[in-house]
PDB file of N, CA and C in Angstrom:
ATOM      1  N   MET A   1       0.845  -1.168   0.000  1.00  0.00           N
ATOM      2  CA  MET A   1       0.000   0.000   0.000  1.00  0.00           C
ATOM      3  C   MET A   1       0.897   1.239   0.000  1.00  0.00           C
ATOM      4  N   PRO A   2       0.579   2.242  -0.828  1.00  0.00           N
ATOM      5  CA  PRO A   2       1.386   3.466  -0.845  1.00  0.00           C
ATOM      6  C   PRO A   2       1.324   4.191   0.492  1.00  0.00           C
ATOM      7  N   ASP A   3       2.384   4.935   0.791  1.00  0.00           N
ATOM      8  CA  ASP A   3       2.413   5.726   2.014  1.00  0.00           C
ATOM      9  C   ASP A   3       1.604   6.999   1.829  1.00  0.00           C
ATOM     10  N   HIS A   4       1.143   7.540   2.959  1.00  0.00           N
ATOM     11  CA  HIS A   4       0.416   8.800   2.944  1.00  0.00           C
ATOM     12  C   HIS A   4       1.335   9.925   2.475  1.00  0.00           C
ATOM     13  N   GLN A   5       0.803  10.808   1.635  1.00  0.00           N
ATOM     14  CA  GLN A   5       1.534  11.976   1.175  1.00  0.00           C
ATOM     15  C   GLN A   5       0.912  13.209   1.825  1.00  0.00           C
ATOM     16  N   PRO A   6       1.652  13.950   2.637  1.00  0.00           N
ATOM     17  CA  PRO A   6       1.079  15.094   3.362  1.00  0.00           C
ATOM     18  C   PRO A   6       0.848  16.303   2.448  1.00  0.00           C
ATOM     19  N   THR A   7      -0.041  16.154   1.498  1.00  0.00           N
ATOM     20  CA  THR A   7      -0.354  17.228   0.555  1.00  0.00           C
ATOM     21  C   THR A   7      -1.053  18.376   1.284  1.00  0.00           C
ATOM     22  N   PRO A   8      -0.898  19.591   0.809  1.00  0.00           N
ATOM     23  CA  PRO A   8      -1.634  20.704   1.409  1.00  0.00           C
ATOM     24  C   PRO A   8      -3.140  20.504   1.231  1.00  0.00           C
ATOM     25  N   PHE A   9      -3.905  20.893   2.246  1.00  0.00           N
ATOM     26  CA  PHE A   9      -5.367  20.796   2.177  1.00  0.00           C
ATOM     27  C   PHE A   9      -5.874  21.684   1.047  1.00  0.00           C
ATOM     28  N   GLN A  10      -6.746  21.089   0.227  1.00  0.00           N
ATOM     29  CA  GLN A  10      -7.401  21.859  -0.822  1.00  0.00           C
ATOM     30  C   GLN A  10      -8.690  21.145  -1.190  1.00  0.00           C
ATOM     31  N   GLU A  11      -9.816  21.839  -1.036  1.00  0.00           N
ATOM     32  CA  GLU A  11     -11.088  21.256  -1.451  1.00  0.00           C
ATOM     33  C   GLU A  11     -11.112  21.235  -2.971  1.00  0.00           C
ATOM     34  N   ALA A  12     -11.110  20.030  -3.532  1.00  0.00           N
ATOM     35  CA  ALA A  12     -11.074  19.897  -4.982  1.00  0.00           C
ATOM     36  C   ALA A  12     -11.667  18.559  -5.387  1.00  0.00           C
ATOM     37  N   GLU A  13     -12.445  18.579  -6.466  1.00  0.00           N
ATOM     38  CA  GLU A  13     -12.968  17.332  -7.020  1.00  0.00           C
ATOM     39  C   GLU A  13     -11.869  16.688  -7.854  1.00  0.00           C
ATOM     40  N   VAL A  14     -11.652  15.397  -7.612  1.00  0.00           N
ATOM     41  CA  VAL A  14     -10.606  14.652  -8.311  1.00  0.00           C
ATOM     42  C   VAL A  14     -11.214  13.386  -8.908  1.00  0.00           C
ATOM     43  N   GLN A  15     -10.460  12.746  -9.772  1.00  0.00           N
ATOM     44  CA  GLN A  15     -10.881  11.485 -10.365  1.00  0.00           C
ATOM     45  C   GLN A  15     -10.180  10.345  -9.645  1.00  0.00           C
ATOM     46  N   PRO A  16     -10.925   9.308  -9.248  1.00  0.00           N
ATOM     47  CA  PRO A  16     -10.268   8.164  -8.602  1.00  0.00           C
ATOM     48  C   PRO A  16      -9.327   7.472  -9.573  1.00  0.00           C
ATOM     49  N   VAL A  17      -8.194   7.003  -9.048  1.00  0.00           N
ATOM     50  CA  VAL A  17      -7.221   6.307  -9.881  1.00  0.00           C
ATOM     51  C   VAL A  17      -7.143   4.821  -9.531  1.00  0.00           C
ATOM     52  N   ASP A  18      -7.787   4.425  -8.442  1.00  0.00           N
ATOM     53  CA  ASP A  18      -7.795   3.032  -8.001  1.00  0.00           C
ATOM     54  C   ASP A  18      -9.240   2.575  -7.845  1.00  0.00           C
ATOM     55  N   ASP A  19      -9.402   1.279  -7.687  1.00  0.00           N
ATOM     56  CA  ASP A  19     -10.732   0.736  -7.417  1.00  0.00           C
ATOM     57  C   ASP A  19     -11.092   0.951  -5.952  1.00  0.00           C
ATOM     58  N   PHE A  20     -12.367   1.082  -5.699  1.00  0.00           N
ATOM     59  CA  PHE A  20     -12.889   1.234  -4.342  1.00  0.00           C
ATOM     60  C   PHE A  20     -13.839   0.081  -4.049  1.00  0.00           C
ATOM     61  N   THR A  21     -13.886  -0.308  -2.785  1.00  0.00           N
ATOM     62  CA  THR A  21     -14.812  -1.335  -2.336  1.00  0.00           C
ATOM     63  C   THR A  21     -16.048  -0.636  -1.784  1.00  0.00           C
ATOM     64  N   VAL A  22     -17.226  -1.052  -2.243  1.00  0.00           N
ATOM     65  CA  VAL A  22     -18.481  -0.496  -1.759  1.00  0.00           C
ATOM     66  C   VAL A  22     -19.273  -1.646  -1.151  1.00  0.00           C
ATOM     67  N   VAL A  23     -19.591  -1.532   0.151  1.00  0.00           N
ATOM     68  CA  VAL A  23     -20.305  -2.592   0.858  1.00  0.00           C
ATOM     69  C   VAL A  23     -21.578  -2.016   1.455  1.00  0.00           C
ATOM     70  N   ARG A  24     -22.688  -2.682   1.205  1.00  0.00           N
ATOM     71  CA  ARG A  24     -23.977  -2.296   1.773  1.00  0.00           C
ATOM     72  C   ARG A  24     -24.174  -3.071   3.074  1.00  0.00           C
ATOM     73  N   SER A  25     -24.629  -2.378   4.113  1.00  0.00           N
ATOM     74  CA  SER A  25     -24.850  -3.032   5.402  1.00  0.00           C
ATOM     75  C   SER A  25     -25.979  -4.060   5.290  1.00  0.00           C
ATOM     76  N   PRO A  26     -26.017  -5.054   6.191  1.00  0.00           N
ATOM     77  CA  PRO A  26     -27.061  -6.080   6.136  1.00  0.00           C
ATOM     78  C   PRO A  26     -28.480  -5.513   6.207  1.00  0.00           C
ATOM     79  N   ASP A  27     -28.666  -4.385   6.919  1.00  0.00           N
ATOM     80  CA  ASP A  27     -30.017  -3.813   6.994  1.00  0.00           C
ATOM     81  C   ASP A  27     -30.307  -2.871   5.830  1.00  0.00           C
ATOM     82  N   GLY A  28     -29.331  -2.650   4.951  1.00  0.00           N
ATOM     83  CA  GLY A  28     -29.529  -1.836   3.763  1.00  0.00           C
ATOM     84  C   GLY A  28     -29.507  -0.345   4.007  1.00  0.00           C
ATOM     85  N   ARG A  29     -29.164   0.096   5.227  1.00  0.00           N
ATOM     86  CA  ARG A  29     -29.266   1.512   5.554  1.00  0.00           C
ATOM     87  C   ARG A  29     -27.939   2.255   5.540  1.00  0.00           C
ATOM     88  N   TRP A  30     -26.840   1.585   5.213  1.00  0.00           N
ATOM     89  CA  TRP A  30     -25.525   2.213   5.162  1.00  0.00           C
ATOM     90  C   TRP A  30     -24.728   1.657   3.997  1.00  0.00           C
ATOM     91  N   TYR A  31     -23.909   2.492   3.417  1.00  0.00           N
ATOM     92  CA  TYR A  31     -22.919   2.052   2.443  1.00  0.00           C
ATOM     93  C   TYR A  31     -21.556   2.484   2.980  1.00  0.00           C
ATOM     94  N   THR A  32     -20.570   1.598   2.907  1.00  0.00           N
ATOM     95  CA  THR A  32     -19.214   1.915   3.320  1.00  0.00           C
ATOM     96  C   THR A  32     -18.312   1.794   2.100  1.00  0.00           C
ATOM     97  N   VAL A  33     -17.598   2.880   1.808  1.00  0.00           N
ATOM     98  CA  VAL A  33     -16.690   2.938   0.666  1.00  0.00           C
ATOM     99  C   VAL A  33     -15.266   2.975   1.203  1.00  0.00           C
ATOM    100  N   THR A  34     -14.420   2.068   0.716  1.00  0.00           N
ATOM    101  CA  THR A  34     -13.040   1.962   1.197  1.00  0.00           C
ATOM    102  C   THR A  34     -12.086   1.957   0.010  1.00  0.00           C
ATOM    103  N   GLY A  35     -10.981   2.686   0.144  1.00  0.00           N
ATOM    104  CA  GLY A  35      -9.961   2.704  -0.898  1.00  0.00           C
ATOM    105  C   GLY A  35      -8.898   3.739  -0.591  1.00  0.00           C
ATOM    106  N   LEU A  36      -8.045   4.002  -1.574  1.00  0.00           N
ATOM    107  CA  LEU A  36      -6.970   4.982  -1.411  1.00  0.00           C
ATOM    108  C   LEU A  36      -7.392   6.329  -1.981  1.00  0.00           C
ATOM    109  N   CYS A  37      -7.174   7.381  -1.199  1.00  0.00           N
ATOM    110  CA  CYS A  37      -7.465   8.734  -1.665  1.00  0.00           C
ATOM    111  C   CYS A  37      -6.626   9.023  -2.900  1.00  0.00           C
ATOM    112  N   PRO A  38      -7.234   9.524  -3.968  1.00  0.00           N
ATOM    113  CA  PRO A  38      -6.470   9.835  -5.174  1.00  0.00           C
ATOM    114  C   PRO A  38      -5.435  10.948  -4.981  1.00  0.00           C
ATOM    115  N   THR A  39      -5.604  11.788  -3.963  1.00  0.00           N
ATOM    116  CA  THR A  39      -4.690  12.912  -3.761  1.00  0.00           C
ATOM    117  C   THR A  39      -3.580  12.583  -2.771  1.00  0.00           C
ATOM    118  N   CYS A  40      -3.934  12.190  -1.548  1.00  0.00           N
ATOM    119  CA  CYS A  40      -2.897  11.968  -0.527  1.00  0.00           C
ATOM    120  C   CYS A  40      -2.485  10.498  -0.400  1.00  0.00           C
ATOM    121  N   ARG A  41      -3.162   9.616  -1.119  1.00  0.00           N
ATOM    122  CA  ARG A  41      -2.818   8.189  -1.215  1.00  0.00           C
ATOM    123  C   ARG A  41      -2.971   7.417   0.089  1.00  0.00           C
ATOM    124  N   ALA A  42      -3.665   7.970   1.069  1.00  0.00           N
ATOM    125  CA  ALA A  42      -3.925   7.257   2.320  1.00  0.00           C
ATOM    126  C   ALA A  42      -5.199   6.436   2.178  1.00  0.00           C
ATOM    127  N   ARG A  43      -5.293   5.371   2.963  1.00  0.00           N
ATOM    128  CA  ARG A  43      -6.518   4.563   2.993  1.00  0.00           C
ATOM    129  C   ARG A  43      -7.605   5.407   3.640  1.00  0.00           C
ATOM    130  N   THR A  44      -8.758   5.444   3.000  1.00  0.00           N
ATOM    131  CA  THR A  44      -9.875   6.211   3.534  1.00  0.00           C
ATOM    132  C   THR A  44     -11.114   5.340   3.567  1.00  0.00           C
ATOM    133  N   VAL A  45     -11.911   5.537   4.602  1.00  0.00           N
ATOM    134  CA  VAL A  45     -13.173   4.819   4.765  1.00  0.00           C
ATOM    135  C   VAL A  45     -14.255   5.874   4.891  1.00  0.00           C
ATOM    136  N   PHE A  46     -15.255   5.793   4.021  1.00  0.00           N
ATOM    137  CA  PHE A  46     -16.330   6.779   3.995  1.00  0.00           C
ATOM    138  C   PHE A  46     -17.646   6.026   4.138  1.00  0.00           C
ATOM    139  N   ARG A  47     -18.462   6.448   5.086  1.00  0.00           N
ATOM    140  CA  ARG A  47     -19.736   5.774   5.347  1.00  0.00           C
ATOM    141  C   ARG A  47     -20.877   6.740   5.076  1.00  0.00           C
ATOM    142  N   VAL A  48     -21.878   6.289   4.341  1.00  0.00           N
ATOM    143  CA  VAL A  48     -23.012   7.141   3.994  1.00  0.00           C
ATOM    144  C   VAL A  48     -24.313   6.430   4.348  1.00  0.00           C
ATOM    145  N   ALA A  49     -25.245   7.196   4.948  1.00  0.00           N
ATOM    146  CA  ALA A  49     -26.558   6.653   5.312  1.00  0.00           C
ATOM    147  C   ALA A  49     -27.453   6.609   4.089  1.00  0.00           C
ATOM    148  N   HIS A  50     -28.360   5.637   4.080  1.00  0.00           N
ATOM    149  CA  HIS A  50     -29.310   5.484   2.983  1.00  0.00           C
ATOM    150  C   HIS A  50     -30.622   4.974   3.551  1.00  0.00           C
ATOM    151  N   GLY A  51     -31.709   5.555   3.138  1.00  0.00           N
ATOM    152  CA  GLY A  51     -33.013   5.106   3.634  1.00  0.00           C
ATOM    153  C   GLY A  51     -33.354   5.782   4.950  1.00  0.00           C
ATOM    154  N   VAL A  52     -34.362   5.270   5.624  1.00  0.00           N
ATOM    155  CA  VAL A  52     -34.843   5.843   6.873  1.00  0.00           C
ATOM    156  C   VAL A  52     -34.023   5.286   8.027  1.00  0.00           C
ATOM    157  N   LEU A  53     -33.453   6.172   8.836  1.00  0.00           N
ATOM    158  CA  LEU A  53     -32.650   5.750   9.972  1.00  0.00           C
ATOM    159  C   LEU A  53     -33.478   5.798  11.249  1.00  0.00           C
ATOM    160  N   GLY A  54     -32.958   5.185  12.283  1.00  0.00           N
ATOM    161  CA  GLY A  54     -33.657   5.178  13.569  1.00  0.00           C
ATOM    162  C   GLY A  54     -34.358   3.860  13.805  1.00  0.00           C
ATOM    163  N   PRO A  55     -34.915   3.706  15.016  1.00  0.00           N
ATOM    164  CA  PRO A  55     -35.579   2.440  15.339  1.00  0.00           C
ATOM    165  C   PRO A  55     -36.873   2.271  14.549  1.00  0.00           C
ATOM    166  N   LEU A  56     -37.270   1.031  14.373  1.00  0.00           N
ATOM    167  CA  LEU A  56     -38.531   0.736  13.703  1.00  0.00           C
ATOM    168  C   LEU A  56     -39.686   1.170  14.596  1.00  0.00           C
ATOM    169  N   LYS A  57     -40.728   1.687  13.999  1.00  0.00           N
ATOM    170  CA  LYS A  57     -41.909   2.044  14.775  1.00  0.00           C
ATOM    171  C   LYS A  57     -42.657   0.774  15.128  1.00  0.00           C
ATOM    172  N   ARG A  58     -43.225   0.763  16.295  1.00  0.00           N
ATOM    173  CA  ARG A  58     -43.845  -0.451  16.823  1.00  0.00           C
ATOM    174  C   ARG A  58     -44.880  -1.053  15.887  1.00  0.00           C
ATOM    175  N   ARG A  59     -45.794  -0.271  15.393  1.00  0.00           N
ATOM    176  CA  ARG A  59     -46.872  -0.840  14.564  1.00  0.00           C
ATOM    177  C   ARG A  59     -46.403  -1.211  13.162  1.00  0.00           C
ATOM    178  N   LEU A  60     -45.252  -0.698  12.751  1.00  0.00           N
ATOM    179  CA  LEU A  60     -44.746  -1.018  11.417  1.00  0.00           C
ATOM    180  C   LEU A  60     -43.618  -2.045  11.443  1.00  0.00           C
ATOM    181  N   ARG A  61     -43.317  -2.544  12.613  1.00  0.00           N
ATOM    182  CA  ARG A  61     -42.152  -3.406  12.790  1.00  0.00           C
ATOM    183  C   ARG A  61     -42.068  -4.548  11.779  1.00  0.00           C
ATOM    184  N   HIS A  62     -43.179  -5.190  11.484  1.00  0.00           N
ATOM    185  CA  HIS A  62     -43.132  -6.350  10.600  1.00  0.00           C
ATOM    186  C   HIS A  62     -43.355  -5.990   9.139  1.00  0.00           C
ATOM    187  N   ARG A  63     -43.650  -4.722   8.856  1.00  0.00           N
ATOM    188  CA  ARG A  63     -43.945  -4.350   7.486  1.00  0.00           C
ATOM    189  C   ARG A  63     -42.845  -3.545   6.823  1.00  0.00           C
ATOM    190  N   ARG A  64     -41.937  -2.965   7.573  1.00  0.00           N
ATOM    191  CA  ARG A  64     -40.910  -2.123   6.961  1.00  0.00           C
ATOM    192  C   ARG A  64     -39.905  -3.002   6.215  1.00  0.00           C
ATOM    193  N   ALA A  65     -39.670  -2.645   4.992  1.00  0.00           N
ATOM    194  CA  ALA A  65     -38.703  -3.379   4.180  1.00  0.00           C
ATOM    195  C   ALA A  65     -37.385  -2.615   4.145  1.00  0.00           C
ATOM    196  N   ARG A  66     -36.349  -3.306   3.726  1.00  0.00           N
ATOM    197  CA  ARG A  66     -35.057  -2.647   3.534  1.00  0.00           C
ATOM    198  C   ARG A  66     -35.201  -1.619   2.422  1.00  0.00           C
ATOM    199  N   PRO A  67     -34.444  -0.529   2.494  1.00  0.00           N
ATOM    200  CA  PRO A  67     -34.499   0.449   1.399  1.00  0.00           C
ATOM    201  C   PRO A  67     -34.010  -0.178   0.098  1.00  0.00           C
ATOM    202  N   GLU A  68     -34.521   0.335  -0.995  1.00  0.00           N
ATOM    203  CA  GLU A  68     -34.039  -0.108  -2.301  1.00  0.00           C
ATOM    204  C   GLU A  68     -32.553   0.219  -2.408  1.00  0.00           C
ATOM    205  N   PRO A  69     -31.769  -0.601  -3.080  1.00  0.00           N
ATOM    206  CA  PRO A  69     -30.335  -0.307  -3.225  1.00  0.00           C
ATOM    207  C   PRO A  69     -30.112   1.016  -3.958  1.00  0.00           C
ATOM    208  N   LEU A  70     -29.025   1.664  -3.608  1.00  0.00           N
ATOM    209  CA  LEU A  70     -28.631   2.883  -4.318  1.00  0.00           C
ATOM    210  C   LEU A  70     -28.234   2.541  -5.746  1.00  0.00           C
ATOM    211  N   THR A  71     -28.383   3.514  -6.615  1.00  0.00           N
ATOM    212  CA  THR A  71     -27.873   3.404  -7.981  1.00  0.00           C
ATOM    213  C   THR A  71     -27.080   4.670  -8.263  1.00  0.00           C
ATOM    214  N   GLY A  72     -26.296   4.634  -9.283  1.00  0.00           N
ATOM    215  CA  GLY A  72     -25.506   5.816  -9.634  1.00  0.00           C
ATOM    216  C   GLY A  72     -24.162   5.818  -8.944  1.00  0.00           C
ATOM    217  N   ALA A  73     -23.865   6.912  -8.232  1.00  0.00           N
ATOM    218  CA  ALA A  73     -22.555   7.061  -7.598  1.00  0.00           C
ATOM    219  C   ALA A  73     -22.715   7.651  -6.201  1.00  0.00           C
ATOM    220  N   ILE A  74     -21.721   7.388  -5.363  1.00  0.00           N
ATOM    221  CA  ILE A  74     -21.670   7.936  -4.011  1.00  0.00           C
ATOM    222  C   ILE A  74     -20.588   9.013  -3.996  1.00  0.00           C
ATOM    223  N   PRO A  75     -20.930  10.249  -3.601  1.00  0.00           N
ATOM    224  CA  PRO A  75     -19.889  11.257  -3.442  1.00  0.00           C
ATOM    225  C   PRO A  75     -19.070  10.954  -2.191  1.00  0.00           C
ATOM    226  N   VAL A  76     -17.770  10.822  -2.344  1.00  0.00           N
ATOM    227  CA  VAL A  76     -16.866  10.421  -1.258  1.00  0.00           C
ATOM    228  C   VAL A  76     -15.894  11.560  -0.965  1.00  0.00           C
ATOM    229  N   TYR A  77     -15.609  11.763   0.315  1.00  0.00           N
ATOM    230  CA  TYR A  77     -14.642  12.767   0.758  1.00  0.00           C
ATOM    231  C   TYR A  77     -13.489  12.037   1.431  1.00  0.00           C
ATOM    232  N   CYS A  78     -12.267  12.540   1.256  1.00  0.00           N
ATOM    233  CA  CYS A  78     -11.121  11.939   1.934  1.00  0.00           C
ATOM    234  C   CYS A  78     -11.335  12.032   3.443  1.00  0.00           C
ATOM    235  N   GLN A  79     -11.206  10.913   4.110  1.00  0.00           N
ATOM    236  CA  GLN A  79     -11.330  10.828   5.563  1.00  0.00           C
ATOM    237  C   GLN A  79     -10.105  10.115   6.128  1.00  0.00           C
ATOM    238  N   CYS A  80      -8.925  10.464   5.622  1.00  0.00           N
ATOM    239  CA  CYS A  80      -7.705   9.750   5.993  1.00  0.00           C
ATOM    240  C   CYS A  80      -7.326   9.928   7.457  1.00  0.00           C
ATOM    241  N   GLY A  81      -7.674  11.079   8.062  1.00  0.00           N
ATOM    242  CA  GLY A  81      -7.342  11.326   9.458  1.00  0.00           C
ATOM    243  C   GLY A  81      -5.940  11.847   9.695  1.00  0.00           C
ATOM    244  N   TYR A  82      -5.150  11.989   8.641  1.00  0.00           N
ATOM    245  CA  TYR A  82      -3.792  12.526   8.774  1.00  0.00           C
ATOM    246  C   TYR A  82      -3.840  14.053   8.775  1.00  0.00           C
ATOM    247  N   PRO A  83      -2.856  14.701   9.405  1.00  0.00           N
ATOM    248  CA  PRO A  83      -2.791  16.165   9.329  1.00  0.00           C
ATOM    249  C   PRO A  83      -2.363  16.596   7.926  1.00  0.00           C
ATOM    250  N   HIS A  84      -2.948  17.675   7.451  1.00  0.00           N
ATOM    251  CA  HIS A  84      -2.597  18.243   6.157  1.00  0.00           C
ATOM    252  C   HIS A  84      -2.353  19.733   6.340  1.00  0.00           C
ATOM    253  N   PRO A  85      -1.229  20.247   5.816  1.00  0.00           N
ATOM    254  CA  PRO A  85      -0.965  21.680   5.925  1.00  0.00           C
ATOM    255  C   PRO A  85      -2.124  22.485   5.332  1.00  0.00           C
ATOM    256  N   ASP A  86      -2.417  23.596   5.928  1.00  0.00           N
ATOM    257  CA  ASP A  86      -3.433  24.549   5.461  1.00  0.00           C
ATOM    258  C   ASP A  86      -4.873  24.099   5.701  1.00  0.00           C
ATOM    259  N   ARG A  87      -5.099  22.981   6.399  1.00  0.00           N
ATOM    260  CA  ARG A  87      -6.486  22.581   6.683  1.00  0.00           C
ATOM    261  C   ARG A  87      -7.044  23.534   7.736  1.00  0.00           C
ATOM    262  N   PRO A  88      -8.165  24.194   7.436  1.00  0.00           N
ATOM    263  CA  PRO A  88      -8.748  25.103   8.414  1.00  0.00           C
ATOM    264  C   PRO A  88      -9.267  24.325   9.629  1.00  0.00           C
ATOM    265  N   PRO A  89      -9.115  24.887  10.826  1.00  0.00           N
ATOM    266  CA  PRO A  89      -9.568  24.174  12.027  1.00  0.00           C
ATOM    267  C   PRO A  89     -11.069  23.908  12.031  1.00  0.00           C
ATOM    268  N   GLU A  90     -11.844  24.721  11.314  1.00  0.00           N
ATOM    269  CA  GLU A  90     -13.297  24.515  11.276  1.00  0.00           C
ATOM    270  C   GLU A  90     -13.744  23.517  10.210  1.00  0.00           C
ATOM    271  N   SER A  91     -12.807  22.948   9.472  1.00  0.00           N
ATOM    272  CA  SER A  91     -13.162  21.995   8.424  1.00  0.00           C
ATOM    273  C   SER A  91     -13.812  20.753   9.024  1.00  0.00           C
ATOM    274  N   PRO A  92     -14.983  20.361   8.502  1.00  0.00           N
ATOM    275  CA  PRO A  92     -15.656  19.171   9.025  1.00  0.00           C
ATOM    276  C   PRO A  92     -15.013  17.868   8.557  1.00  0.00           C
ATOM    277  N   ASP A  93     -14.173  17.938   7.539  1.00  0.00           N
ATOM    278  CA  ASP A  93     -13.542  16.736   6.996  1.00  0.00           C
ATOM    279  C   ASP A  93     -12.258  16.422   7.747  1.00  0.00           C
ATOM    280  N   ALA A  94     -11.932  15.139   7.818  1.00  0.00           N
ATOM    281  CA  ALA A  94     -10.705  14.687   8.477  1.00  0.00           C
ATOM    282  C   ALA A  94      -9.715  14.197   7.431  1.00  0.00           C
ATOM    283  N   GLY A  95      -9.592  14.942   6.332  1.00  0.00           N
ATOM    284  CA  GLY A  95      -8.704  14.508   5.264  1.00  0.00           C
ATOM    285  C   GLY A  95      -8.056  15.672   4.565  1.00  0.00           C
ATOM    286  N   CYS A  96      -7.678  15.438   3.306  1.00  0.00           N
ATOM    287  CA  CYS A  96      -6.919  16.423   2.539  1.00  0.00           C
ATOM    288  C   CYS A  96      -7.799  17.388   1.763  1.00  0.00           C
ATOM    289  N   GLY A  97      -9.120  17.210   1.787  1.00  0.00           N
ATOM    290  CA  GLY A  97     -10.037  18.086   1.066  1.00  0.00           C
ATOM    291  C   GLY A  97     -10.490  17.540  -0.267  1.00  0.00           C
ATOM    292  N   ALA A  98      -9.900  16.449  -0.716  1.00  0.00           N
ATOM    293  CA  ALA A  98     -10.284  15.867  -2.003  1.00  0.00           C
ATOM    294  C   ALA A  98     -11.654  15.195  -1.886  1.00  0.00           C
ATOM    295  N   PHE A  99     -12.417  15.246  -2.967  1.00  0.00           N
ATOM    296  CA  PHE A  99     -13.680  14.509  -3.045  1.00  0.00           C
ATOM    297  C   PHE A  99     -13.858  13.989  -4.462  1.00  0.00           C
ATOM    298  N   TRP A 100     -14.610  12.885  -4.594  1.00  0.00           N
ATOM    299  CA  TRP A 100     -14.776  12.210  -5.869  1.00  0.00           C
ATOM    300  C   TRP A 100     -16.008  11.332  -5.808  1.00  0.00           C
ATOM    301  N   ASP A 101     -16.432  10.834  -6.953  1.00  0.00           N
ATOM    302  CA  ASP A 101     -17.585   9.938  -7.043  1.00  0.00           C
ATOM    303  C   ASP A 101     -17.114   8.505  -7.229  1.00  0.00           C
ATOM    304  N   VAL A 102     -17.772   7.587  -6.516  1.00  0.00           N
ATOM    305  CA  VAL A 102     -17.511   6.157  -6.656  1.00  0.00           C
ATOM    306  C   VAL A 102     -18.800   5.506  -7.133  1.00  0.00           C
ATOM    307  N   PRO A 103     -18.773   4.807  -8.269  1.00  0.00           N
ATOM    308  CA  PRO A 103     -19.982   4.143  -8.756  1.00  0.00           C
ATOM    309  C   PRO A 103     -20.468   3.079  -7.774  1.00  0.00           C
ATOM    310  N   VAL A 104     -21.784   2.985  -7.632  1.00  0.00           N
ATOM    311  CA  VAL A 104     -22.379   1.940  -6.800  1.00  0.00           C
ATOM    312  C   VAL A 104     -22.479   0.682  -7.654  1.00  0.00           C
ATOM    313  N   PRO A 105     -21.882  -0.425  -7.193  1.00  0.00           N
ATOM    314  CA  PRO A 105     -21.973  -1.657  -7.985  1.00  0.00           C
ATOM    315  C   PRO A 105     -23.403  -2.201  -7.958  1.00  0.00           C
ATOM    316  N   PRO A 106     -23.725  -3.058  -8.915  1.00  0.00           N
ATOM    317  CA  PRO A 106     -25.045  -3.692  -8.884  1.00  0.00           C
ATOM    318  C   PRO A 106     -25.287  -4.368  -7.540  1.00  0.00           C
ATOM    319  N   SER A 107     -26.519  -4.510  -7.159  1.00  0.00           N
ATOM    320  CA  SER A 107     -26.917  -5.009  -5.849  1.00  0.00           C
ATOM    321  C   SER A 107     -26.211  -6.291  -5.448  1.00  0.00           C
ATOM    322  N   ALA A 108     -26.071  -7.246  -6.329  1.00  0.00           N
ATOM    323  CA  ALA A 108     -25.468  -8.540  -5.989  1.00  0.00           C
ATOM    324  C   ALA A 108     -23.996  -8.386  -5.608  1.00  0.00           C
ATOM    325  N   GLU A 109     -23.329  -7.331  -6.072  1.00  0.00           N
ATOM    326  CA  GLU A 109     -21.911  -7.142  -5.791  1.00  0.00           C
ATOM    327  C   GLU A 109     -21.638  -6.169  -4.646  1.00  0.00           C
ATOM    328  N   SER A 110     -22.667  -5.580  -4.054  1.00  0.00           N
ATOM    329  CA  SER A 110     -22.443  -4.519  -3.083  1.00  0.00           C
ATOM    330  C   SER A 110     -22.488  -4.991  -1.643  1.00  0.00           C
ATOM    331  N   GLY A 111     -22.379  -6.292  -1.411  1.00  0.00           N
ATOM    332  CA  GLY A 111     -22.343  -6.767  -0.041  1.00  0.00           C
ATOM    333  C   GLY A 111     -23.710  -7.049   0.537  1.00  0.00           C
ATOM    334  N   ASP A 112     -24.756  -7.118  -0.297  1.00  0.00           N
ATOM    335  CA  ASP A 112     -26.091  -7.409   0.203  1.00  0.00           C
ATOM    336  C   ASP A 112     -26.157  -8.822   0.766  1.00  0.00           C
ATOM    337  N   ALA A 113     -26.858  -8.969   1.847  1.00  0.00           N
ATOM    338  CA  ALA A 113     -27.158 -10.310   2.346  1.00  0.00           C
ATOM    339  C   ALA A 113     -28.321 -10.838   1.527  1.00  0.00           C
ATOM    340  N   PRO A 114     -28.363 -12.144   1.241  1.00  0.00           N
ATOM    341  CA  PRO A 114     -29.445 -12.688   0.418  1.00  0.00           C
ATOM    342  C   PRO A 114     -30.803 -12.496   1.039  1.00  0.00           C
TER     343      PRO A 114
END
């Protein structure tokens, strides 16, 4: 695995250069994207919510279905956790500022439980 490169923080859309793993949680309400940041080359894990979150309502407990799988792409932000020069202290991101889109694989390949 390449080493982290302490690039200066810069919010910029970039193109991924490596493959990313996209896994859907068993309940269908989360997607986790894992791979190397195209800018700073650190391993990053990005988690995104999908569908209705929170506990099931009592009267709907047996009727609520899993959300339909996502289609298209997931916007991902670098979450490497390494320090980057020029990152503003108020920045909500824990990475280098890079962001990119990762295609959502078809349902059978995204970690769905049968």
